Amino acid sequence: MEEASKAKKAKKGFMTPERKKKLRLLLRKKAAEELKKEQERKAAERRRIIEERCGKPKNIDDANEVSLTSIITGYHQRITKLEEEKYDR
């Protein structure tokens, strides 16, 4: 019986305040990592959806007047098509 009471006392002191602090710290770190991974995954999904809906961005910095005109014409046609689809529904 004395051994059982000693074992209970030994088990009772298993989670010392230092161990609790370390455990909390580890749990916070793990939660922060998971949150960061989730945010990165959501950002990648958001970028993918935007790229899918809008297409790849055109380089207009180095474009001359003719290429700018063709880019703008393409955008105008796309907008017109989207507006027609919106009102056809």
Protein backbone atom coordinates (compact mmCIF):
# COMPACT_ATOMS: atom_id res chain seq x y z
CA MET A 1 0.00 0.00 0.00
CA GLU A 2 2.81 2.36 0.73
CA GLU A 3 4.15 1.76 -2.77
CA ALA A 4 0.78 2.61 -4.29
CA SER A 5 0.60 5.89 -2.38
CA LYS A 6 4.16 6.73 -3.45
CA ALA A 7 3.29 5.97 -7.07
CA LYS A 8 0.24 8.26 -6.85
CA LYS A 9 2.39 11.07 -5.48
CA ALA A 10 4.93 10.55 -8.25
CA LYS A 11 2.21 10.63 -10.90
CA LYS A 12 0.57 13.64 -9.31
CA GLY A 13 3.67 15.74 -9.87
CA PHE A 14 4.11 14.74 -13.51
CA MET A 15 2.89 18.03 -14.97
CA THR A 16 5.08 20.51 -13.21
CA PRO A 17 4.61 24.21 -13.95
CA GLU A 18 7.73 24.17 -16.13
CA ARG A 19 6.40 21.27 -18.17
CA LYS A 20 3.04 22.98 -18.50
CA LYS A 21 4.74 26.12 -19.81
CA LYS A 22 6.76 24.09 -22.31
CA LEU A 23 3.67 22.23 -23.44
CA ARG A 24 1.71 25.45 -23.89
CA LEU A 25 4.60 26.97 -25.82
CA LEU A 26 4.82 23.94 -28.10
CA LEU A 27 1.07 23.97 -28.65
CA ARG A 28 1.15 27.68 -29.51
CA LYS A 29 4.01 27.14 -31.95
CA LYS A 30 2.20 24.24 -33.59
CA ALA A 31 -1.01 26.27 -33.86
CA ALA A 32 0.90 29.20 -35.36
CA GLU A 33 2.52 26.91 -37.94
CA GLU A 34 -0.84 25.40 -38.86
CA LEU A 35 -2.39 28.86 -39.17
CA LYS A 36 0.46 30.02 -41.38
CA LYS A 37 0.14 26.95 -43.62
CA GLU A 38 -3.61 27.50 -43.88
CA GLN A 39 -3.12 31.16 -44.81
CA GLU A 40 -0.56 30.24 -47.47
CA ARG A 41 -2.90 27.61 -48.88
CA LYS A 42 -5.79 30.08 -49.00
CA ALA A 43 -3.61 32.74 -50.63
CA ALA A 44 -2.46 30.28 -53.30
CA GLU A 45 -6.06 29.24 -53.94
CA ARG A 46 -7.10 32.89 -54.17
CA ARG A 47 -4.32 33.65 -56.67
CA ARG A 48 -5.28 30.60 -58.73
CA ILE A 49 -8.95 31.62 -58.87
CA ILE A 50 -8.11 35.21 -59.80
CA GLU A 51 -5.78 34.01 -62.54
CA GLU A 52 -8.43 31.61 -63.79
CA ARG A 53 -11.12 34.30 -63.92
CA CYS A 54 -9.05 37.22 -65.16
CA GLY A 55 -6.31 35.53 -67.13
CA LYS A 56 -2.64 36.25 -66.90
CA PRO A 57 -1.70 39.92 -66.57
CA LYS A 58 -0.49 41.54 -69.75
CA ASN A 59 2.82 43.37 -69.86
CA ILE A 60 1.90 46.92 -70.82
CA ASP A 61 5.10 48.61 -69.64
CA ASP A 62 7.16 47.64 -72.68
CA ALA A 63 4.30 47.63 -75.18
CA ASN A 64 4.10 49.99 -78.13
CA GLU A 65 0.94 51.72 -79.30
CA VAL A 66 -0.16 48.93 -81.65
CA SER A 67 0.17 46.21 -79.04
CA LEU A 68 -1.59 48.38 -76.44
CA THR A 69 -4.46 48.87 -78.86
CA SER A 70 -4.76 45.12 -79.40
CA ILE A 71 -4.65 44.46 -75.64
CA ILE A 72 -7.36 47.05 -75.00
CA THR A 73 -9.47 45.66 -77.83
CA GLY A 74 -9.19 42.18 -76.32
CA TYR A 75 -10.22 43.50 -72.91
CA HIS A 76 -13.15 45.35 -74.45
CA GLN A 77 -14.36 42.22 -76.25
CA ARG A 78 -14.07 40.20 -73.06
CA ILE A 79 -16.02 42.79 -71.06
CA THR A 80 -18.70 42.97 -73.74
CA LYS A 81 -19.04 39.17 -73.74
CA LEU A 82 -19.30 39.06 -69.94
CA GLU A 83 -21.92 41.82 -69.91
CA GLU A 84 -23.99 39.97 -72.52
CA GLU A 85 -23.81 36.77 -70.47
CA LYS A 86 -24.84 38.66 -67.36
CA TYR A 87 -27.98 40.08 -68.95
CA ASP A 88 -28.87 36.91 -70.88
CA ARG A 89 -29.47 35.01 -67.66
